[in-house]
Amino acid sequence: MAVISHAQFSSEDRLPSDATQAVAFFWLSAFYFVYCARPEDWIPLLGHVSLAKITGLFVLLAMLFTAGRGPRSINNLPKEVYYLFFLTAILFASSVLSPVWKGGAFWATVDFAKVIVAWIATFLLVTTLARFRRIVFVQAASVVVISIVALTNARTSPRLGSVLGGIYSNPNDLAIAIVLCLPFCLAFLLTAKTAARKLIWCLAILPMMAALFLTGSRSGFIDLIVSGTVLLWHFGIKGRRPQLILGTGLIGVLLFVLFGQVVMERFSAISDSSVSSETAEVALASYEERRLAMEKSLDAIAQYPILGVGTTNFETYSGMWREVHMSYLQIAAEGGIPALIVYLLYFGRGFTNLRRLRRMQPDSETLLFAGAAHSSLVGFVVGACFAPVAYLYFPYFAVCYTSVLLAMAKEKAPVAETAPSRFRFANVDLKGRRSRALTL
């Protein structure tokens, strides 16, 4: 009777908890949409509303209300989120003690720290594969929309620069964001149940590729080649889909022929100084500026090795008003060498999670999204060598996705692992003799 009444209580108590989690997940999805799609940049009426602050506040409140009511709690947080906490703490210390501009660095760190709230909320609320698909869909679909909006302004904005604000204001950042989302778009294409949905995802990938090439981003192009190779290895070779490799190669070459002229000119400017087009001249000047910025970042690290010059303060410190186009130097110059070490440890955990997940032999759909996350992470690791994306949320989300996938696999595994041991214990008495009563 006690067992039955407890089961009844649990089922009745689960309803308000599920409803609260659903509301919390709605606000989490809204935050992802606002951050990834930036609707205030292309919907005029929303330009005067601080959507990010509103949705971020509701995510924080929802997380507080749902703490301990779901299958996961704060006590289940993985090691990588503590690395993220530590990294943010170092950046706050760096900002307060900054030799350049304390106020600017502090508020830039506050802006970055919002990723912790989104990270924890994602880990606590995304407890099923269906929810995982929805939250990743919001990110991927948002970048599809951003690509289309950017393409509509391609004639008036060279390299799609300043078409949008925030994280997409720089063409290189836009290109990296597209590369990091392409693997998930392809995963949705492969898992689509109907031909219509597959066609929709095919059509969604095309403007992303076109926008990527039109940015003229050399780092984005290199990133695409590396990330795409890893992706096709997962989906094409390991997944035994040779037609995917052929189709992707043909479409990629065709789009590059149509939209890749700017990329080619910018690459040519590095190796051939005789190229005289305006694009090539700008690209050569950009290359020289980046080389000089890297030298100055090394000076900053040597002068302030412990806490750096403060978040986003390198532009002022260098006197060039340019970011250093390498995330690893960026985080080391602005947060110090300890920040760089924690930064590397954090992203290393993403690859560790994926290795552990593969050893658990999850279902095919989970394995597919794990391959997409791996491709996205590899894309970031390579892209970070050429772009200042240390504070972009997307790569932090990718590590969070690996944590969520691993947690879901662990939550399924104990049922299969612990049931046999309970059965053996239940059927053996203290003297080692089998108990017929407990074998029923």
Protein backbone atom coordinates (compact mmCIF):
# COMPACT_ATOMS: atom_id res chain seq x y z
CA MET A 1 0.00 0.00 0.00
CA ALA A 2 2.83 2.34 0.86
CA VAL A 3 4.39 1.71 -2.54
CA ILE A 4 1.11 2.32 -4.36
CA SER A 5 0.38 5.55 -2.51
CA HIS A 6 3.93 6.77 -3.18
CA ALA A 7 3.53 6.04 -6.91
CA GLN A 8 0.22 7.93 -6.96
CA PHE A 9 1.83 10.89 -5.22
CA SER A 10 4.72 10.90 -7.66
CA SER A 11 2.47 10.87 -10.72
CA GLU A 12 0.32 13.68 -9.34
CA ASP A 13 3.35 15.70 -8.27
CA ARG A 14 4.95 15.34 -11.71
CA LEU A 15 2.32 17.37 -13.55
CA PRO A 16 3.14 20.84 -12.15
CA SER A 17 6.83 20.04 -12.45
CA ASP A 18 6.43 19.14 -16.14
CA ALA A 19 4.40 22.29 -16.76
CA THR A 20 7.04 24.45 -15.07
CA GLN A 21 9.81 22.79 -17.10
CA ALA A 22 7.84 23.37 -20.31
CA VAL A 23 7.54 27.09 -19.52
CA ALA A 24 11.24 27.26 -18.64
CA PHE A 25 12.16 25.49 -21.88
CA PHE A 26 10.03 27.99 -23.84
CA TRP A 27 12.02 30.92 -22.42
CA LEU A 28 15.28 29.11 -23.04
CA SER A 29 14.28 28.62 -26.67
CA ALA A 30 13.31 32.30 -26.87
CA PHE A 31 16.75 33.30 -25.56
CA TYR A 32 18.46 31.11 -28.16
CA PHE A 33 16.33 32.67 -30.89
CA VAL A 34 17.04 36.24 -29.77
CA TYR A 35 20.79 35.61 -29.49
CA CYS A 36 21.16 33.59 -32.71
CA ALA A 37 18.63 35.33 -34.97
CA ARG A 38 18.93 38.91 -33.66
CA PRO A 39 15.38 39.85 -34.76
CA GLU A 40 15.87 43.43 -33.54
CA ASP A 41 18.29 43.96 -36.46
CA TRP A 42 15.83 43.07 -39.23
CA ILE A 43 12.41 43.69 -37.65
CA PRO A 44 12.15 47.50 -37.22
CA LEU A 45 9.59 47.51 -34.39
CA LEU A 46 11.85 45.39 -32.19
CA GLY A 47 14.84 47.68 -32.45
CA HIS A 48 13.87 49.61 -29.31
CA VAL A 49 13.18 46.53 -27.16
CA SER A 50 15.96 44.83 -25.21
CA LEU A 51 14.91 41.29 -26.11
CA ALA A 52 18.14 39.69 -24.92
CA LYS A 53 17.78 41.13 -21.40
CA ILE A 54 14.10 40.20 -21.19
CA THR A 55 14.53 36.61 -22.33
CA GLY A 56 17.74 36.23 -20.30
CA LEU A 57 15.92 37.37 -17.14
CA PHE A 58 13.08 34.93 -17.72
CA VAL A 59 15.55 32.09 -18.34
CA LEU A 60 17.26 32.88 -15.03
CA LEU A 61 13.94 32.98 -13.16
CA ALA A 62 12.74 29.80 -14.84
CA MET A 63 15.97 28.04 -13.95
CA LEU A 64 15.58 29.04 -10.30
CA PHE A 65 11.97 27.84 -10.18
CA THR A 66 12.73 24.50 -11.85
CA ALA A 67 15.89 23.74 -9.86
CA GLY A 68 15.56 20.27 -8.38
CA ARG A 69 12.23 19.51 -10.07
CA GLY A 70 13.60 17.78 -13.14
CA PRO A 71 15.68 14.64 -13.65
CA ARG A 72 18.86 16.72 -13.24
CA SER A 73 19.93 19.10 -10.52
CA ILE A 74 22.74 21.55 -9.86
CA ASN A 75 24.66 18.70 -8.25
CA ASN A 76 24.76 16.93 -11.64
CA LEU A 77 26.57 19.75 -13.42
CA PRO A 78 29.63 18.43 -15.31
CA LYS A 79 33.20 19.58 -14.89
CA GLU A 80 33.20 21.77 -18.01
CA VAL A 81 30.70 24.25 -16.58
CA TYR A 82 33.02 24.80 -13.62
CA TYR A 83 35.80 25.57 -16.08
CA LEU A 84 33.44 28.13 -17.64
CA PHE A 85 32.75 29.61 -14.18
CA PHE A 86 36.48 29.81 -13.51
CA LEU A 87 37.18 31.42 -16.88
CA THR A 88 34.51 34.06 -16.24
CA ALA A 89 35.87 34.72 -12.74
CA ILE A 90 39.34 35.29 -14.18
CA LEU A 91 37.90 37.70 -16.75
CA PHE A 92 36.10 39.63 -14.00
CA ALA A 93 39.34 39.89 -12.02
CA SER A 94 41.13 40.98 -15.18
CA SER A 95 38.50 43.64 -15.79
CA VAL A 96 38.59 45.06 -12.26
CA LEU A 97 42.40 45.26 -12.34
CA SER A 98 42.68 46.26 -16.00
CA PRO A 99 45.47 48.71 -16.81
CA VAL A 100 43.50 49.99 -19.82
CA TRP A 101 39.76 50.50 -19.23
CA LYS A 102 38.13 48.89 -16.21
CA GLY A 103 34.54 49.92 -16.89
CA GLY A 104 34.43 48.75 -20.50
CA ALA A 105 36.10 45.45 -19.65
CA PHE A 106 33.73 44.83 -16.71
CA TRP A 107 30.53 45.29 -18.71
CA ALA A 108 31.92 43.25 -21.59
CA THR A 109 32.53 40.43 -19.09
CA VAL A 110 29.00 40.80 -17.72
CA ASP A 111 27.74 40.39 -21.29
CA PHE A 112 29.83 37.26 -21.74
CA ALA A 113 28.77 35.83 -18.37
CA LYS A 114 25.20 35.41 -19.64
CA VAL A 115 26.40 32.30 -21.44
CA ILE A 116 26.72 30.58 -18.05
CA VAL A 117 23.00 31.03 -17.36
CA ALA A 118 22.10 29.71 -20.81
CA TRP A 119 24.55 26.83 -20.41
CA ILE A 120 23.19 25.65 -17.06
CA ALA A 121 19.58 26.09 -18.16
CA THR A 122 20.27 24.06 -21.30
CA PHE A 123 21.87 21.25 -19.31
CA LEU A 124 19.06 21.12 -16.73
CA LEU A 125 16.12 21.46 -19.12
CA VAL A 126 17.21 19.55 -22.24
CA THR A 127 16.67 16.05 -20.88
CA THR A 128 15.22 14.30 -23.94
CA LEU A 129 16.32 13.91 -27.54
CA ALA A 130 13.16 15.73 -28.66
CA ARG A 131 14.10 18.80 -26.62
CA PHE A 132 17.68 18.55 -27.80
CA ARG A 133 16.48 18.62 -31.41
CA ARG A 134 14.28 21.65 -30.71
CA ILE A 135 16.99 23.75 -29.10
CA VAL A 136 19.51 22.90 -31.83
CA PHE A 137 16.83 23.59 -34.43
CA VAL A 138 16.35 27.10 -33.02
CA GLN A 139 20.07 27.82 -33.41
CA ALA A 140 20.38 26.29 -36.88
CA ALA A 141 17.17 27.82 -38.26
CA SER A 142 18.16 31.23 -36.85
CA VAL A 143 21.43 31.19 -38.78
CA VAL A 144 19.52 30.18 -41.92
CA VAL A 145 17.33 33.27 -41.46
CA ILE A 146 20.38 35.45 -40.81
CA SER A 147 22.00 34.16 -44.02
CA ILE A 148 18.91 35.01 -46.07
CA VAL A 149 18.66 38.49 -44.52
CA ALA A 150 22.35 39.09 -45.26
CA LEU A 151 21.94 37.97 -48.87
CA THR A 152 19.11 40.44 -49.45
CA ASN A 153 21.59 43.24 -48.69
CA ALA A 154 24.53 41.75 -50.58
CA ARG A 155 24.56 44.42 -53.31
CA THR A 156 24.78 47.33 -50.90
CA SER A 157 27.12 45.75 -48.35
CA PRO A 158 30.47 44.44 -49.60
CA ARG A 159 31.36 41.14 -47.91
CA LEU A 160 28.00 41.40 -46.10
CA GLY A 161 29.68 43.65 -43.52
CA SER A 162 27.49 45.68 -41.14
CA VAL A 163 24.32 44.17 -42.60
CA LEU A 164 23.50 43.01 -39.08
CA GLY A 165 24.74 44.06 -35.67
CA GLY A 166 26.21 42.32 -32.69
CA ILE A 167 27.83 38.95 -33.32
CA TYR A 168 27.24 39.19 -37.09
CA SER A 169 28.59 42.70 -37.69
CA ASN A 170 31.99 41.35 -38.78
CA PRO A 171 32.01 39.20 -41.97
CA ASN A 172 34.50 36.78 -40.41
CA ASP A 173 32.29 36.24 -37.37
CA LEU A 174 29.28 35.66 -39.62
CA ALA A 175 31.26 33.10 -41.63
CA ILE A 176 32.37 31.23 -38.48
CA ALA A 177 28.80 31.17 -37.15
CA ILE A 178 27.58 29.65 -40.42
CA VAL A 179 30.29 26.98 -40.40
CA LEU A 180 29.49 26.00 -36.81
CA CYS A 181 25.80 25.52 -37.67
CA LEU A 182 26.13 23.73 -41.01
CA PRO A 183 26.82 20.29 -39.41
CA PHE A 184 23.57 20.45 -37.45
CA CYS A 185 21.62 21.47 -40.57
CA LEU A 186 22.96 18.42 -42.37
CA ALA A 187 22.06 16.24 -39.36
CA PHE A 188 18.47 17.52 -39.58
CA LEU A 189 18.48 16.78 -43.31
CA LEU A 190 19.55 13.18 -42.74
CA THR A 191 17.05 12.59 -39.93
CA ALA A 192 14.09 14.18 -41.74
CA LYS A 193 11.24 11.68 -42.13
CA THR A 194 9.67 13.01 -45.32
CA ALA A 195 10.97 14.09 -48.71
CA ALA A 196 9.43 17.55 -48.22
CA ARG A 197 11.41 18.15 -45.03
CA LYS A 198 14.60 16.92 -46.65
CA LEU A 199 14.02 19.37 -49.50
CA ILE A 200 13.44 22.22 -47.04
CA TRP A 201 16.77 21.54 -45.32
CA CYS A 202 18.53 21.30 -48.69
CA LEU A 203 17.15 24.70 -49.63
CA ALA A 204 18.13 26.06 -46.20
CA ILE A 205 21.76 25.01 -46.58
CA LEU A 206 22.16 26.74 -49.96
CA PRO A 207 21.82 30.37 -48.72
CA MET A 208 24.13 29.56 -45.81
CA MET A 209 26.84 28.40 -48.20
CA ALA A 210 26.26 31.37 -50.52
CA ALA A 211 26.47 33.84 -47.63
CA LEU A 212 29.63 32.15 -46.37
CA PHE A 213 31.39 32.60 -49.71
CA LEU A 214 30.15 36.20 -50.13
CA THR A 215 31.69 37.21 -46.80
CA GLY A 216 35.05 36.67 -48.49
CA SER A 217 36.30 35.30 -45.19
CA ARG A 218 39.53 33.35 -45.64
CA SER A 219 39.27 31.94 -42.14
CA GLY A 220 35.67 30.92 -42.80
CA PHE A 221 36.67 29.14 -46.01
CA ILE A 222 39.51 27.21 -44.33
CA ASP A 223 37.16 26.40 -41.47
CA LEU A 224 34.56 25.09 -43.94
CA ILE A 225 37.07 22.75 -45.60
CA VAL A 226 38.26 21.27 -42.29
CA SER A 227 34.84 21.05 -40.63
CA GLY A 228 33.27 19.73 -43.84
CA THR A 229 35.90 17.01 -44.12
CA VAL A 230 35.20 15.82 -40.57
CA LEU A 231 31.46 16.01 -41.20
CA LEU A 232 31.62 13.91 -44.37
CA TRP A 233 33.84 11.39 -42.58
CA HIS A 234 31.13 10.98 -39.93
CA PHE A 235 28.07 11.09 -42.18
CA GLY A 236 29.47 9.89 -45.49
CA ILE A 237 32.21 7.34 -44.75
CA LYS A 238 31.28 6.02 -41.29
CA GLY A 239 27.58 6.43 -42.10
CA ARG A 240 28.03 4.66 -45.43
CA ARG A 241 26.44 7.40 -47.54
CA PRO A 242 28.75 7.79 -50.57
CA GLN A 243 26.02 9.70 -52.40
CA LEU A 244 26.21 12.37 -49.69
CA ILE A 245 29.92 12.93 -50.36
CA LEU A 246 29.33 13.21 -54.10
CA GLY A 247 26.30 15.50 -53.78
CA THR A 248 27.94 17.78 -51.21
CA GLY A 249 31.09 18.06 -53.33
CA LEU A 250 29.18 18.98 -56.49
CA ILE A 251 26.98 21.56 -54.76
CA GLY A 252 29.96 23.04 -52.93
CA VAL A 253 31.97 23.45 -56.15
CA LEU A 254 29.00 24.98 -57.98
CA LEU A 255 28.32 27.52 -55.22
CA PHE A 256 32.02 28.38 -55.01
CA VAL A 257 32.12 29.07 -58.76
CA LEU A 258 29.06 31.32 -58.46
CA PHE A 259 29.91 33.19 -55.24
CA GLY A 260 33.57 32.52 -54.42
CA GLN A 261 35.28 35.27 -56.42
CA VAL A 262 35.86 37.51 -53.39
CA VAL A 263 37.41 34.64 -51.44
CA MET A 264 39.79 33.82 -54.29
CA GLU A 265 40.89 37.44 -54.66
CA ARG A 266 41.57 37.72 -50.93
CA PHE A 267 43.66 34.55 -50.96
CA SER A 268 45.54 35.71 -54.06
CA ALA A 269 46.48 38.96 -52.35
CA ILE A 270 48.58 37.03 -49.80
CA SER A 271 50.64 35.07 -52.30
CA ASP A 272 50.70 37.54 -55.22
CA SER A 273 51.32 41.18 -54.35
CA SER A 274 50.93 42.18 -58.01
CA VAL A 275 47.17 41.67 -57.87
CA SER A 276 45.74 45.16 -58.28
CA SER A 277 41.99 44.85 -57.67
CA GLU A 278 40.47 46.89 -54.87
CA THR A 279 39.41 43.73 -53.01
CA ALA A 280 42.94 42.31 -53.21
CA GLU A 281 44.50 45.55 -51.96
CA VAL A 282 42.16 45.67 -48.98
CA ALA A 283 42.85 41.99 -48.29
CA LEU A 284 46.63 42.53 -48.36
CA ALA A 285 46.33 45.48 -45.98
CA SER A 286 44.14 43.37 -43.71
CA TYR A 287 46.73 40.59 -43.71
CA GLU A 288 49.49 43.00 -42.67
CA GLU A 289 47.31 44.50 -39.94
CA ARG A 290 46.54 41.07 -38.53
CA ARG A 291 50.21 40.13 -38.47
CA LEU A 292 51.04 43.32 -36.59
CA ALA A 293 48.12 42.78 -34.18
CA MET A 294 49.44 39.30 -33.36
CA GLU A 295 52.85 40.75 -32.55
CA LYS A 296 51.24 43.33 -30.26
CA SER A 297 49.16 40.63 -28.57
CA LEU A 298 52.36 38.76 -27.73
CA ASP A 299 53.69 42.00 -26.23
CA ALA A 300 50.53 42.29 -24.13
CA ILE A 301 50.90 38.70 -22.89
CA ALA A 302 54.55 39.32 -21.98
CA GLN A 303 53.72 42.56 -20.15
CA TYR A 304 50.55 41.32 -18.38
CA PRO A 305 50.85 37.51 -18.25
CA ILE A 306 48.64 36.88 -15.19
CA LEU A 307 45.41 38.82 -15.84
CA GLY A 308 45.92 40.44 -19.22
CA VAL A 309 44.62 43.86 -20.25
CA GLY A 310 40.91 43.20 -19.64
CA THR A 311 38.04 41.81 -21.69
CA THR A 312 37.83 43.44 -25.18
CA ASN A 313 40.55 45.93 -24.17
CA PHE A 314 43.18 44.74 -26.63
CA GLU A 315 41.87 47.07 -29.34
CA THR A 316 42.61 50.06 -27.11
CA TYR A 317 45.89 48.65 -25.81
CA SER A 318 47.25 47.99 -29.30
CA GLY A 319 46.51 51.50 -30.55
CA MET A 320 45.31 49.92 -33.82
CA TRP A 321 41.62 49.63 -32.86
CA ARG A 322 41.70 46.13 -34.29
CA GLU A 323 41.07 42.78 -32.64
CA VAL A 324 43.76 40.13 -32.83
CA HIS A 325 42.51 37.54 -35.30
CA MET A 326 43.28 34.48 -33.21
CA SER A 327 41.00 33.55 -30.32
CA TYR A 328 43.80 31.89 -28.36
CA LEU A 329 45.92 35.04 -28.43
CA GLN A 330 42.80 37.11 -27.80
CA ILE A 331 41.90 35.30 -24.57
CA ALA A 332 45.53 35.23 -23.41
CA ALA A 333 46.11 38.93 -24.08
CA GLU A 334 42.86 40.04 -22.46
CA GLY A 335 42.54 37.46 -19.65
CA GLY A 336 46.11 36.30 -19.10
CA ILE A 337 47.77 32.91 -19.45
CA PRO A 338 45.62 31.29 -16.70
CA ALA A 339 42.51 32.24 -18.70
CA LEU A 340 44.00 30.62 -21.81
CA ILE A 341 44.70 27.40 -19.89
CA VAL A 342 41.13 27.21 -18.55
CA TYR A 343 39.80 28.12 -22.01
CA LEU A 344 41.64 25.15 -23.55
CA LEU A 345 40.55 22.82 -20.74
CA TYR A 346 36.92 23.81 -21.33
CA PHE A 347 36.92 22.95 -25.02
CA GLY A 348 38.98 19.86 -24.40
CA ARG A 349 36.08 18.58 -22.30
CA GLY A 350 33.85 18.70 -25.36
CA PHE A 351 36.05 16.18 -27.17
CA THR A 352 36.31 14.06 -24.01
CA ASN A 353 32.52 13.93 -23.76
CA LEU A 354 32.22 12.76 -27.35
CA ARG A 355 34.78 9.99 -26.84
CA ARG A 356 32.93 8.76 -23.77
CA LEU A 357 29.63 8.96 -25.63
CA ARG A 358 30.88 6.85 -28.54
CA ARG A 359 32.09 4.15 -26.13
CA MET A 360 28.56 3.90 -24.73
CA GLN A 361 27.23 2.94 -28.20
CA PRO A 362 24.16 5.23 -28.24
CA ASP A 363 21.28 5.01 -30.72
CA SER A 364 21.85 6.06 -34.34
CA GLU A 365 20.19 9.49 -34.04
CA THR A 366 22.22 10.44 -30.97
CA LEU A 367 25.35 9.27 -32.76
CA LEU A 368 24.43 11.41 -35.76
CA PHE A 369 24.10 14.57 -33.67
CA ALA A 370 27.29 13.66 -31.82
CA GLY A 371 29.06 13.62 -35.19
CA ALA A 372 27.60 17.05 -35.98
CA ALA A 373 28.79 18.40 -32.62
CA HIS A 374 32.26 16.95 -33.24
CA SER A 375 32.44 18.60 -36.67
CA SER A 376 31.29 21.90 -35.18
CA LEU A 377 33.91 21.73 -32.42
CA VAL A 378 36.70 20.87 -34.86
CA GLY A 379 35.51 23.76 -37.00
CA PHE A 380 35.78 26.10 -34.04
CA VAL A 381 39.22 24.87 -32.96
CA VAL A 382 40.52 25.56 -36.48
CA GLY A 383 38.53 28.75 -37.02
CA ALA A 384 39.74 30.15 -33.70
CA CYS A 385 43.26 30.21 -35.16
CA PHE A 386 42.15 32.87 -37.65
CA ALA A 387 39.24 34.74 -36.04
CA PRO A 388 38.57 36.72 -32.82
CA VAL A 389 35.62 34.63 -31.60
CA ALA A 390 36.66 34.01 -27.98
CA TYR A 391 33.40 35.48 -26.66
CA LEU A 392 31.02 34.07 -29.29
CA TYR A 393 28.41 31.85 -27.60
CA PHE A 394 28.13 29.28 -30.40
CA PRO A 395 31.23 27.21 -29.53
CA TYR A 396 30.24 27.24 -25.85
CA PHE A 397 26.83 25.93 -26.89
CA ALA A 398 28.55 23.15 -28.88
CA VAL A 399 30.37 21.94 -25.74
CA CYS A 400 27.09 22.13 -23.84
CA TYR A 401 25.46 19.94 -26.50
CA THR A 402 28.12 17.27 -25.93
CA SER A 403 27.42 17.41 -22.19
CA VAL A 404 23.68 17.05 -22.77
CA LEU A 405 24.10 14.11 -25.16
CA LEU A 406 26.42 12.34 -22.73
CA ALA A 407 24.05 12.97 -19.80
CA MET A 408 21.11 11.55 -21.76
CA ALA A 409 23.14 8.46 -22.66
CA LYS A 410 24.11 7.97 -19.00
CA GLU A 411 20.50 8.31 -17.89
CA LYS A 412 19.51 5.51 -20.23
CA ALA A 413 22.48 3.28 -19.43
CA PRO A 414 21.92 2.67 -15.68
CA VAL A 415 18.60 0.91 -16.34
CA ALA A 416 20.36 -1.74 -18.38
CA GLU A 417 23.42 -1.87 -16.12
CA THR A 418 21.83 -1.92 -12.68
CA ALA A 419 18.78 -4.11 -13.35
CA PRO A 420 20.78 -7.39 -13.55
CA SER A 421 22.66 -6.61 -10.32
CA ARG A 422 19.42 -5.90 -8.46
CA PHE A 423 17.99 -9.14 -9.81
CA ARG A 424 20.99 -11.12 -8.56
CA PHE A 425 20.84 -9.48 -5.15
CA ALA A 426 17.11 -10.06 -4.85
CA ASN A 427 17.48 -13.75 -5.58
CA VAL A 428 20.29 -14.54 -3.15
CA ASP A 429 19.85 -14.59 0.64
CA LEU A 430 22.57 -13.85 3.17
CA LYS A 431 23.73 -17.51 3.19
CA GLY A 432 24.15 -17.57 -0.56
CA ARG A 433 21.05 -19.75 -1.12
CA ARG A 434 18.45 -18.84 -3.73
CA SER A 435 15.17 -17.53 -2.37
CA ARG A 436 12.15 -18.80 -4.29
CA ALA A 437 9.89 -16.14 -2.84
CA LEU A 438 11.98 -13.31 -4.32
CA THR A 439 12.41 -14.86 -7.76
CA LEU A 440 8.73 -14.41 -8.59
